[in-house]
C-alpha atoms as a PDB file:
ATOM      1  CA  MET A   1     113.823 106.997  92.748  1.00  0.00           C
ATOM      2  CA  LYS A   2     117.073 104.962  93.407  1.00  0.00           C
ATOM      3  CA  GLU A   3     117.379 102.801  90.598  1.00  0.00           C
ATOM      4  CA  MET A   4     117.745  98.695  91.164  1.00  0.00           C
ATOM      5  CA  SER A   5     118.098  95.611  89.088  1.00  0.00           C
ATOM      6  CA  PRO A   6     114.962  93.971  88.511  1.00  0.00           C
ATOM      7  CA  LEU A   7     116.067  91.314  91.784  1.00  0.00           C
ATOM      8  CA  GLU A   8     116.940  94.261  94.411  1.00  0.00           C
ATOM      9  CA  GLU A   9     113.308  95.237  92.974  1.00  0.00           C
ATOM     10  CA  LEU A  10     111.546  91.971  93.660  1.00  0.00           C
ATOM     11  CA  ARG A  11     113.508  91.535  97.102  1.00  0.00           C
ATOM     12  CA  HIS A  12     112.288  94.797  98.080  1.00  0.00           C
ATOM     13  CA  SER A  13     109.137  94.117  97.164  1.00  0.00           C
ATOM     14  CA  CYS A  14     109.385  90.990  99.274  1.00  0.00           C
ATOM     15  CA  SER A  15     110.321  93.493 102.573  1.00  0.00           C
ATOM     16  CA  HIS A  16     106.892  95.664 101.673  1.00  0.00           C
ATOM     17  CA  VAL A  17     105.324  91.784 101.749  1.00  0.00           C
ATOM     18  CA  LEU A  18     106.638  90.887 105.134  1.00  0.00           C
ATOM     19  CA  ALA A  19     105.291  94.082 106.499  1.00  0.00           C
ATOM     20  CA  THR A  20     102.001  94.168 105.007  1.00  0.00           C
ATOM     21  CA  ALA A  21     101.684  90.389 106.728  1.00  0.00           C
ATOM     22  CA  ILE A  22     103.156  91.512 110.176  1.00  0.00           C
ATOM     23  CA  LEU A  23     100.889  94.418 110.644  1.00  0.00           C
ATOM     24  CA  ARG A  24      98.229  91.891 109.652  1.00  0.00           C
ATOM     25  CA  LEU A  25      99.640  89.027 112.525  1.00  0.00           C
ATOM     26  CA  TYR A  26     101.008  91.988 114.972  1.00  0.00           C
ATOM     27  CA  PRO A  27      99.002  95.788 114.337  1.00  0.00           C
ATOM     28  CA  GLU A  28     100.553  97.098 117.448  1.00  0.00           C
ATOM     29  CA  THR A  29     103.971  96.861 115.446  1.00  0.00           C
ATOM     30  CA  GLN A  30     106.239  99.364 114.628  1.00  0.00           C
ATOM     31  CA  LEU A  31     108.119  99.329 111.580  1.00  0.00           C
ATOM     32  CA  ASP A  32     111.995 100.918 111.032  1.00  0.00           C
ATOM     33  CA  ILE A  33     113.737 100.088 107.540  1.00  0.00           C
ATOM     34  CA  GLY A  34     112.707  97.425 104.993  1.00  0.00           C
ATOM     35  CA  PRO A  35     115.278  97.243 102.110  1.00  0.00           C
ATOM     36  CA  PRO A  36     116.675  94.418 100.080  1.00  0.00           C
ATOM     37  CA  THR A  37     119.619  92.987 100.570  1.00  0.00           C
ATOM     38  CA  ASP A  38     122.750  90.999  98.344  1.00  0.00           C
ATOM     39  CA  SER A  39     121.286  87.552  99.806  1.00  0.00           C
ATOM     40  CA  GLY A  40     117.120  88.731 100.230  1.00  0.00           C
ATOM     41  CA  PHE A  41     115.607  90.713 102.332  1.00  0.00           C
ATOM     42  CA  TYR A  42     114.555  91.967 105.635  1.00  0.00           C
ATOM     43  CA  TYR A  43     112.110  94.765 108.027  1.00  0.00           C
ATOM     44  CA  ASP A  44     113.629  95.970 111.101  1.00  0.00           C
ATOM     45  CA  ILE A  45     110.145  95.747 114.062  1.00  0.00           C
ATOM     46  CA  ASP A  46     109.546  96.777 117.376  1.00  0.00           C
ATOM     47  CA  LEU A  47     107.444  94.619 118.836  1.00  0.00           C
ATOM     48  CA  ASP A  48     106.590  93.910 122.927  1.00  0.00           C
ATOM     49  CA  ARG A  49     107.075  90.820 122.572  1.00  0.00           C
ATOM     50  CA  GLN A  50     109.822  88.190 121.184  1.00  0.00           C
ATOM     51  CA  LEU A  51     108.878  86.184 117.967  1.00  0.00           C
ATOM     52  CA  ASP A  52     109.746  82.435 117.979  1.00  0.00           C
ATOM     53  CA  ALA A  53     109.948  80.080 115.080  1.00  0.00           C
ATOM     54  CA  ALA A  54     106.038  79.338 114.872  1.00  0.00           C
ATOM     55  CA  ASP A  55     106.081  83.336 114.674  1.00  0.00           C
ATOM     56  CA  LEU A  56     107.955  83.484 111.641  1.00  0.00           C
ATOM     57  CA  GLU A  57     105.427  80.084 109.700  1.00  0.00           C
ATOM     58  CA  ALA A  58     102.682  82.672 110.147  1.00  0.00           C
ATOM     59  CA  VAL A  59     103.920  85.329 109.003  1.00  0.00           C
ATOM     60  CA  GLU A  60     105.347  83.337 106.312  1.00  0.00           C
ATOM     61  CA  ALA A  61     101.888  82.065 105.693  1.00  0.00           C
ATOM     62  CA  GLU A  62      99.975  85.039 105.372  1.00  0.00           C
ATOM     63  CA  MET A  63     103.311  86.900 103.509  1.00  0.00           C
ATOM     64  CA  LYS A  64     101.704  84.162 100.712  1.00  0.00           C
ATOM     65  CA  LYS A  65      97.976  85.500 101.496  1.00  0.00           C
ATOM     66  CA  VAL A  66      99.235  88.661 100.580  1.00  0.00           C
ATOM     67  CA  ILE A  67     101.294  87.617  97.212  1.00  0.00           C
ATOM     68  CA  LYS A  68      97.819  85.575  96.611  1.00  0.00           C
ATOM     69  CA  GLU A  69      95.305  88.437  96.497  1.00  0.00           C
ATOM     70  CA  ASN A  70      97.940  89.869  93.565  1.00  0.00           C
ATOM     71  CA  GLN A  71      97.784  93.333  95.271  1.00  0.00           C
ATOM     72  CA  ARG A  72      99.731  96.513  92.868  1.00  0.00           C
ATOM     73  CA  PHE A  73     102.109  98.201  94.310  1.00  0.00           C
ATOM     74  CA  THR A  74     101.267 102.262  93.352  1.00  0.00           C
ATOM     75  CA  ARG A  75     104.444 105.143  94.437  1.00  0.00           C
ATOM     76  CA  ILE A  76     102.621 107.657  96.184  1.00  0.00           C
ATOM     77  CA  GLU A  77     104.354 111.062  96.070  1.00  0.00           C
ATOM     78  CA  CYS A  78     103.620 114.387  98.188  1.00  0.00           C
ATOM     79  CA  SER A  79     104.672 117.137 100.213  1.00  0.00           C
ATOM     80  CA  ARG A  80     107.265 116.772 103.260  1.00  0.00           C
ATOM     81  CA  GLU A  81     104.083 117.909 105.705  1.00  0.00           C
ATOM     82  CA  ASP A  82     101.861 115.666 104.146  1.00  0.00           C
ATOM     83  CA  ALA A  83     104.401 112.803 104.585  1.00  0.00           C
ATOM     84  CA  VAL A  84     104.467 114.165 108.570  1.00  0.00           C
ATOM     85  CA  ALA A  85     100.392 113.397 108.456  1.00  0.00           C
ATOM     86  CA  LYS A  86     100.273 110.124 106.028  1.00  0.00           C
ATOM     87  CA  ILE A  87     103.316 108.711 109.069  1.00  0.00           C
ATOM     88  CA  ASN A  88     101.163 109.960 111.855  1.00  0.00           C
ATOM     89  CA  GLU A  89      97.996 108.761 109.991  1.00  0.00           C
ATOM     90  CA  ILE A  90      98.839 105.201 109.850  1.00  0.00           C
ATOM     91  CA  GLY A  91     100.453 105.120 112.986  1.00  0.00           C
ATOM     92  CA  GLN A  92     104.248 104.749 112.130  1.00  0.00           C
ATOM     93  CA  ALA A  93     105.533 107.687 113.902  1.00  0.00           C
ATOM     94  CA  THR A  94     107.952 105.820 116.446  1.00  0.00           C
ATOM     95  CA  TYR A  95     110.723 105.458 113.549  1.00  0.00           C
ATOM     96  CA  LYS A  96     109.352 106.446 110.359  1.00  0.00           C
ATOM     97  CA  LEU A  97     109.533 110.363 111.714  1.00  0.00           C
ATOM     98  CA  GLY A  98     112.933 109.560 111.409  1.00  0.00           C
ATOM     99  CA  ARG A  99     113.342 108.288 108.830  1.00  0.00           C
ATOM    100  CA  LEU A 100     111.645 110.736 106.674  1.00  0.00           C
ATOM    101  CA  ASP A 101     114.292 113.256 108.099  1.00  0.00           C
ATOM    102  CA  ASP A 102     117.128 111.336 106.187  1.00  0.00           C
ATOM    103  CA  VAL A 103     114.926 112.839 102.835  1.00  0.00           C
ATOM    104  CA  PRO A 104     117.552 115.660 101.984  1.00  0.00           C
ATOM    105  CA  GLU A 105     115.300 118.478 102.059  1.00  0.00           C
ATOM    106  CA  GLY A 106     113.596 119.816  98.644  1.00  0.00           C
ATOM    107  CA  GLU A 107     113.891 115.856  97.112  1.00  0.00           C
ATOM    108  CA  GLN A 108     110.485 114.509  96.468  1.00  0.00           C
ATOM    109  CA  VAL A 109     108.920 111.941  99.445  1.00  0.00           C
ATOM    110  CA  SER A 110     107.197 108.842  98.495  1.00  0.00           C
ATOM    111  CA  PHE A 111     105.451 105.923  99.785  1.00  0.00           C
ATOM    112  CA  TYR A 112     104.438 102.729  98.532  1.00  0.00           C
ATOM    113  CA  GLN A 113     101.010 101.565  98.706  1.00  0.00           C
ATOM    114  CA  ASN A 114      99.860  97.380  98.316  1.00  0.00           C
ATOM    115  CA  GLY A 115      96.989  96.774  99.768  1.00  0.00           C
ATOM    116  CA  GLU A 116      96.055  98.387 102.925  1.00  0.00           C
ATOM    117  CA  PHE A 117     100.047  99.068 103.683  1.00  0.00           C
ATOM    118  CA  ILE A 118     101.397 102.219 103.280  1.00  0.00           C
ATOM    119  CA  ASP A 119     105.027 102.788 103.880  1.00  0.00           C
ATOM    120  CA  LEU A 120     107.501 105.367 103.510  1.00  0.00           C
ATOM    121  CA  CYS A 121     109.347 104.527 100.362  1.00  0.00           C
ATOM    122  CA  ALA A 122     111.893 105.445  97.904  1.00  0.00           C
ATOM    123  CA  GLY A 123     111.187 102.128  95.803  1.00  0.00           C
ATOM    124  CA  PRO A 124     110.901 100.734  92.984  1.00  0.00           C
ATOM    125  CA  HIS A 125     109.195  97.734  93.326  1.00  0.00           C
ATOM    126  CA  VAL A 126     107.347  95.272  91.120  1.00  0.00           C
ATOM    127  CA  GLY A 127     104.068  96.110  89.877  1.00  0.00           C
ATOM    128  CA  TYR A 128     102.025  93.559  91.499  1.00  0.00           C
ATOM    129  CA  THR A 129     102.301  90.671  95.144  1.00  0.00           C
ATOM    130  CA  LYS A 130     102.136  88.214  92.784  1.00  0.00           C
ATOM    131  CA  LYS A 131     105.608  88.238  91.000  1.00  0.00           C
ATOM    132  CA  ILE A 132     106.682  87.402  93.461  1.00  0.00           C
ATOM    133  CA  LYS A 133     107.425  83.125  93.408  1.00  0.00           C
ATOM    134  CA  ALA A 134     109.171  81.836  96.313  1.00  0.00           C
ATOM    135  CA  PHE A 135     110.308  83.337  99.015  1.00  0.00           C
ATOM    136  CA  LYS A 136     111.619  81.552 102.486  1.00  0.00           C
ATOM    137  CA  LEU A 137     111.940  83.815 105.992  1.00  0.00           C
ATOM    138  CA  LEU A 138     115.157  82.058 107.412  1.00  0.00           C
ATOM    139  CA  SER A 139     116.071  84.223 110.962  1.00  0.00           C
ATOM    140  CA  ILE A 140     114.830  86.720 113.601  1.00  0.00           C
ATOM    141  CA  ALA A 141     117.783  88.377 115.053  1.00  0.00           C
ATOM    142  CA  GLY A 142     118.325  91.542 117.461  1.00  0.00           C
ATOM    143  CA  ALA A 143     119.223  94.673 115.183  1.00  0.00           C
ATOM    144  CA  TYR A 144     119.939  97.754 117.366  1.00  0.00           C
ATOM    145  CA  HIS A 145     118.077 100.879 115.727  1.00  0.00           C
ATOM    146  CA  ARG A 146     120.640 102.336 112.881  1.00  0.00           C
ATOM    147  CA  GLY A 147     123.032 100.032 114.242  1.00  0.00           C
ATOM    148  CA  ASP A 148     123.737 102.275 117.507  1.00  0.00           C
ATOM    149  CA  GLU A 149     123.626 100.108 120.791  1.00  0.00           C
ATOM    150  CA  ASN A 150     122.648 102.784 122.625  1.00  0.00           C
ATOM    151  CA  ASN A 151     118.973 102.930 120.353  1.00  0.00           C
ATOM    152  CA  ARG A 152     116.463 100.655 121.273  1.00  0.00           C
ATOM    153  CA  GLN A 153     116.820  96.969 120.272  1.00  0.00           C
ATOM    154  CA  LEU A 154     114.411  95.798 117.512  1.00  0.00           C
ATOM    155  CA  GLN A 155     113.862  92.349 116.073  1.00  0.00           C
ATOM    156  CA  ARG A 156     115.249  91.822 112.577  1.00  0.00           C
ATOM    157  CA  ILE A 157     113.305  89.448 110.705  1.00  0.00           C
END
């Protein structure tokens, strides 16, 4: 597990709450990556339509519901083979299988689950979603998958 400061853990947990809300509202979404940053967090998503300001408000409202549910963040460790099966089972193979390839051979593969949401993730996270007291979604921007302009452009929230 990567070491993070308490603030980074909080921001990383926010990105998972964001992804939970996105999948509740837009279940056809393919998720890429959602790390903490120096100024907050984001999640890169692949959705067949462009999100707008009204969508951002709806996602933020859904995030507040997820937080209120006080979902526990649970770490799940597994073999690489089981990870491939899990990624396919949750319907997130488009980008997550490539992210799994980034995990060095022999290193433990892990997922984190909160509520119905399961994500390939090294962690760590806060214990429960209610630890998130305040957040604000600021923007939607384009971001090329893995920063390569030859790859598909995703939406970064």
